[in-house]
Structure formats: C-alpha cells, structure tokens
N, C-alpha and C. Protein backbone atom coordinates (compact mmCIF):
# COMPACT_ATOMS: atom_id res chain seq x y z
N MET A 1 25.43 -31.34 57.19
CA MET A 1 26.48 -32.27 56.75
C MET A 1 26.27 -32.61 55.27
N ALA A 2 27.34 -32.66 54.54
CA ALA A 2 27.27 -33.02 53.13
C ALA A 2 26.94 -34.50 52.99
N THR A 3 26.32 -34.85 51.88
CA THR A 3 26.00 -36.26 51.64
C THR A 3 27.27 -37.04 51.31
N VAL A 4 27.15 -38.36 51.34
CA VAL A 4 28.29 -39.21 50.97
C VAL A 4 28.75 -38.87 49.56
N GLY A 5 27.80 -38.72 48.64
CA GLY A 5 28.14 -38.40 47.25
C GLY A 5 28.89 -37.09 47.11
N GLU A 6 28.43 -36.07 47.82
CA GLU A 6 29.09 -34.76 47.76
C GLU A 6 30.52 -34.84 48.32
N ARG A 7 30.67 -35.58 49.41
CA ARG A 7 31.99 -35.71 50.03
C ARG A 7 32.93 -36.51 49.13
N ILE A 8 32.42 -37.55 48.48
CA ILE A 8 33.25 -38.33 47.56
C ILE A 8 33.67 -37.48 46.37
N LYS A 9 32.74 -36.70 45.84
CA LYS A 9 33.08 -35.81 44.71
C LYS A 9 34.14 -34.79 45.12
N ALA A 10 34.03 -34.24 46.33
CA ALA A 10 34.99 -33.24 46.80
C ALA A 10 36.38 -33.84 46.93
N VAL A 11 36.48 -35.03 47.51
CA VAL A 11 37.77 -35.70 47.67
C VAL A 11 38.34 -36.07 46.31
N THR A 12 37.50 -36.61 45.44
CA THR A 12 37.94 -37.00 44.09
C THR A 12 38.47 -35.79 43.34
N ALA A 13 37.75 -34.68 43.43
CA ALA A 13 38.16 -33.45 42.74
C ALA A 13 39.51 -32.97 43.26
N GLN A 14 39.69 -33.06 44.57
CA GLN A 14 40.95 -32.62 45.19
C GLN A 14 42.12 -33.47 44.72
N VAL A 15 41.96 -34.79 44.74
CA VAL A 15 43.05 -35.70 44.38
C VAL A 15 43.36 -35.63 42.88
N LEU A 16 42.31 -35.56 42.05
CA LEU A 16 42.51 -35.60 40.60
C LEU A 16 42.55 -34.22 39.96
N LYS A 17 42.51 -33.17 40.80
CA LYS A 17 42.57 -31.78 40.32
C LYS A 17 41.47 -31.49 39.30
N LEU A 18 40.23 -31.78 39.70
CA LEU A 18 39.06 -31.57 38.84
C LEU A 18 38.08 -30.63 39.52
N ASN A 19 37.12 -30.14 38.75
CA ASN A 19 36.01 -29.35 39.30
C ASN A 19 34.96 -30.34 39.82
N PRO A 20 34.61 -30.27 41.12
CA PRO A 20 33.64 -31.24 41.66
C PRO A 20 32.29 -31.21 40.94
N GLU A 21 31.94 -30.07 40.37
CA GLU A 21 30.65 -29.96 39.68
C GLU A 21 30.64 -30.73 38.36
N GLU A 22 31.81 -31.06 37.85
CA GLU A 22 31.88 -31.80 36.59
C GLU A 22 31.89 -33.31 36.80
N ILE A 23 31.98 -33.76 38.05
CA ILE A 23 32.03 -35.19 38.35
C ILE A 23 30.61 -35.72 38.46
N LYS A 24 30.33 -36.79 37.69
CA LYS A 24 29.00 -37.39 37.69
C LYS A 24 29.05 -38.77 38.34
N MET A 25 27.90 -39.20 38.87
CA MET A 25 27.82 -40.49 39.56
C MET A 25 28.23 -41.65 38.66
N GLU A 26 27.94 -41.54 37.35
CA GLU A 26 28.24 -42.65 36.45
C GLU A 26 29.69 -42.62 35.94
N ASP A 27 30.45 -41.59 36.30
CA ASP A 27 31.84 -41.49 35.84
C ASP A 27 32.71 -42.60 36.42
N SER A 28 33.52 -43.18 35.55
CA SER A 28 34.52 -44.15 35.97
C SER A 28 35.75 -43.38 36.46
N PHE A 29 36.30 -43.81 37.60
CA PHE A 29 37.48 -43.13 38.13
C PHE A 29 38.63 -43.14 37.13
N THR A 30 38.82 -44.26 36.43
CA THR A 30 39.95 -44.35 35.51
C THR A 30 39.59 -43.86 34.11
N ALA A 31 38.55 -44.42 33.51
CA ALA A 31 38.23 -44.10 32.11
C ALA A 31 37.76 -42.65 31.94
N ASP A 32 36.88 -42.18 32.83
CA ASP A 32 36.31 -40.84 32.66
C ASP A 32 37.08 -39.74 33.39
N LEU A 33 37.60 -40.07 34.57
CA LEU A 33 38.24 -39.03 35.39
C LEU A 33 39.76 -39.08 35.33
N GLY A 34 40.30 -40.11 34.69
CA GLY A 34 41.74 -40.15 34.44
C GLY A 34 42.61 -40.58 35.62
N ALA A 35 42.03 -41.26 36.61
CA ALA A 35 42.82 -41.69 37.76
C ALA A 35 43.80 -42.79 37.34
N GLU A 36 45.05 -42.63 37.74
CA GLU A 36 46.05 -43.68 37.51
C GLU A 36 46.15 -44.51 38.79
N SER A 37 46.87 -45.61 38.73
CA SER A 37 46.88 -46.53 39.87
C SER A 37 47.35 -45.88 41.17
N VAL A 38 48.35 -45.02 41.09
CA VAL A 38 48.84 -44.33 42.29
C VAL A 38 47.73 -43.43 42.85
N GLN A 39 47.03 -42.76 41.96
CA GLN A 39 45.94 -41.88 42.41
C GLN A 39 44.78 -42.68 42.98
N SER A 40 44.53 -43.86 42.44
CA SER A 40 43.46 -44.71 42.98
C SER A 40 43.75 -45.08 44.43
N ILE A 41 45.02 -45.41 44.71
CA ILE A 41 45.42 -45.74 46.08
C ILE A 41 45.30 -44.50 46.97
N GLU A 42 45.68 -43.35 46.43
CA GLU A 42 45.54 -42.10 47.18
C GLU A 42 44.07 -41.80 47.48
N LEU A 43 43.20 -42.06 46.50
CA LEU A 43 41.76 -41.85 46.72
C LEU A 43 41.25 -42.72 47.85
N VAL A 44 41.64 -43.99 47.87
CA VAL A 44 41.21 -44.90 48.94
C VAL A 44 41.64 -44.34 50.30
N ALA A 45 42.89 -43.90 50.40
CA ALA A 45 43.41 -43.35 51.66
C ALA A 45 42.65 -42.09 52.06
N MET A 46 42.36 -41.24 51.09
CA MET A 46 41.65 -39.99 51.37
C MET A 46 40.20 -40.25 51.78
N PHE A 47 39.56 -41.24 51.15
CA PHE A 47 38.19 -41.59 51.53
C PHE A 47 38.17 -42.13 52.96
N GLU A 48 39.16 -42.95 53.29
CA GLU A 48 39.24 -43.48 54.66
C GLU A 48 39.37 -42.34 55.66
N GLU A 49 40.21 -41.38 55.33
CA GLU A 49 40.42 -40.23 56.21
C GLU A 49 39.15 -39.38 56.31
N GLU A 50 38.53 -39.11 55.16
CA GLU A 50 37.33 -38.27 55.11
C GLU A 50 36.20 -38.85 55.95
N PHE A 51 36.03 -40.18 55.87
CA PHE A 51 34.89 -40.81 56.53
C PHE A 51 35.24 -41.47 57.86
N GLY A 52 36.53 -41.51 58.20
CA GLY A 52 36.94 -42.13 59.46
C GLY A 52 36.70 -43.63 59.47
N ILE A 53 36.98 -44.27 58.33
CA ILE A 53 36.75 -45.71 58.19
C ILE A 53 38.02 -46.39 57.71
N GLU A 54 37.99 -47.73 57.74
CA GLU A 54 39.06 -48.52 57.13
C GLU A 54 38.42 -49.42 56.10
N MET A 55 38.99 -49.41 54.88
CA MET A 55 38.45 -50.23 53.80
C MET A 55 39.46 -51.30 53.43
N GLU A 56 38.95 -52.45 53.01
CA GLU A 56 39.81 -53.52 52.48
C GLU A 56 40.30 -53.01 51.13
N GLU A 57 41.61 -52.88 50.98
CA GLU A 57 42.17 -52.18 49.82
C GLU A 57 41.77 -52.80 48.48
N ASP A 58 41.84 -54.13 48.36
CA ASP A 58 41.49 -54.75 47.08
C ASP A 58 40.03 -54.51 46.72
N ALA A 59 39.15 -54.62 47.72
CA ALA A 59 37.73 -54.36 47.47
C ALA A 59 37.51 -52.91 47.07
N ALA A 60 38.17 -52.00 47.78
CA ALA A 60 38.02 -50.57 47.49
C ALA A 60 38.54 -50.24 46.09
N LEU A 61 39.66 -50.83 45.71
CA LEU A 61 40.25 -50.55 44.40
C LEU A 61 39.44 -51.18 43.26
N SER A 62 38.56 -52.13 43.57
CA SER A 62 37.74 -52.74 42.52
C SER A 62 36.51 -51.89 42.19
N VAL A 63 36.25 -50.87 43.00
CA VAL A 63 35.11 -49.97 42.75
C VAL A 63 35.43 -49.14 41.50
N GLN A 64 34.52 -49.14 40.53
CA GLN A 64 34.81 -48.52 39.24
C GLN A 64 34.29 -47.10 39.10
N THR A 65 33.05 -46.84 39.57
CA THR A 65 32.44 -45.54 39.32
C THR A 65 32.21 -44.76 40.61
N VAL A 66 31.94 -43.48 40.45
CA VAL A 66 31.66 -42.62 41.60
C VAL A 66 30.42 -43.13 42.33
N GLY A 67 29.39 -43.50 41.58
CA GLY A 67 28.16 -44.04 42.20
C GLY A 67 28.42 -45.31 42.98
N ASP A 68 29.26 -46.19 42.42
CA ASP A 68 29.62 -47.43 43.13
C ASP A 68 30.37 -47.11 44.41
N ALA A 69 31.20 -46.07 44.36
CA ALA A 69 31.96 -45.66 45.55
C ALA A 69 31.02 -45.17 46.65
N VAL A 70 29.98 -44.44 46.26
CA VAL A 70 28.99 -43.96 47.24
C VAL A 70 28.36 -45.16 47.95
N GLU A 71 27.94 -46.15 47.16
CA GLU A 71 27.31 -47.35 47.73
C GLU A 71 28.29 -48.12 48.61
N PHE A 72 29.51 -48.31 48.11
CA PHE A 72 30.54 -49.07 48.84
C PHE A 72 30.88 -48.39 50.16
N ILE A 73 31.15 -47.09 50.11
CA ILE A 73 31.55 -46.36 51.32
C ILE A 73 30.39 -46.26 52.31
N THR A 74 29.17 -46.07 51.80
CA THR A 74 28.00 -46.05 52.69
C THR A 74 27.89 -47.36 53.45
N ASN A 75 28.09 -48.48 52.75
CA ASN A 75 28.02 -49.81 53.40
C ASN A 75 29.13 -49.99 54.42
N VAL A 76 30.35 -49.55 54.09
CA VAL A 76 31.48 -49.67 55.03
C VAL A 76 31.19 -48.82 56.27
N CYS A 77 30.65 -47.63 56.06
CA CYS A 77 30.32 -46.76 57.20
C CYS A 77 29.31 -47.43 58.11
N LYS A 78 28.27 -48.05 57.52
CA LYS A 78 27.26 -48.75 58.32
C LYS A 78 27.90 -49.89 59.11
N GLU A 79 28.74 -50.68 58.43
CA GLU A 79 29.40 -51.81 59.09
C GLU A 79 30.27 -51.35 60.26
N GLN A 80 30.90 -50.18 60.11
CA GLN A 80 31.84 -49.70 61.13
C GLN A 80 31.20 -48.69 62.08
N GLY A 81 29.88 -48.52 61.98
CA GLY A 81 29.16 -47.67 62.92
C GLY A 81 29.42 -46.19 62.74
N VAL A 82 29.75 -45.77 61.52
CA VAL A 82 29.98 -44.35 61.25
C VAL A 82 28.71 -43.76 60.65
N ASP A 83 28.20 -42.71 61.26
CA ASP A 83 26.95 -42.09 60.82
C ASP A 83 27.22 -41.17 59.64
N VAL A 84 26.56 -41.40 58.51
CA VAL A 84 26.73 -40.54 57.33
C VAL A 84 25.37 -40.15 56.79
N GLU A 85 25.35 -39.03 56.11
CA GLU A 85 24.13 -38.56 55.49
C GLU A 85 24.05 -39.08 54.06
N GLN A 86 22.93 -39.73 53.76
CA GLN A 86 22.77 -40.29 52.43
C GLN A 86 22.31 -39.20 51.51
C-alpha cells in the first residue's frame, strides 16, 4: 500500500495536472502548485474519495502545504477508523 504522502501527491498531480515526482512536502497548494479555489475544493473531494473519509470542508481548505495535508488526513483517518500506511 502506498503511504499517505504518496497517495496525496498522486491525487494532487492528477487534479492539478502535475508530475507527482515534482511535488514536495513543503509545497503550498496555491502558491507553489497553482491550485485555484475550485481546484482546492476538487482536491478535498478527491482526498475524501481516495481515503474513504469525510473531512470538515473549512478545516480541509485551511490546509496550506502537502505536508500539512498528510498530517491532517492521517489524523482524520485515525479519527474515522481508516487504516493508512504512514
């Protein structure tokens, strides 16, 4: 199973049409990766689908970097009893 970080990078690359190998943990979704507000909402929906979780939208949209998303989604998975590989 891929790690949370690898899965987040794969989804981010798919939504933003990027190479997953170029996405770094410290990258900001908006400033570095160019996500616009519509894409940010799409990312939240895709992460929910990828991990089988439900996230509070405002909290999810406040996540700034890929690394923060890994931490946020890992915590949501734990809260909702979804087993993920760190």
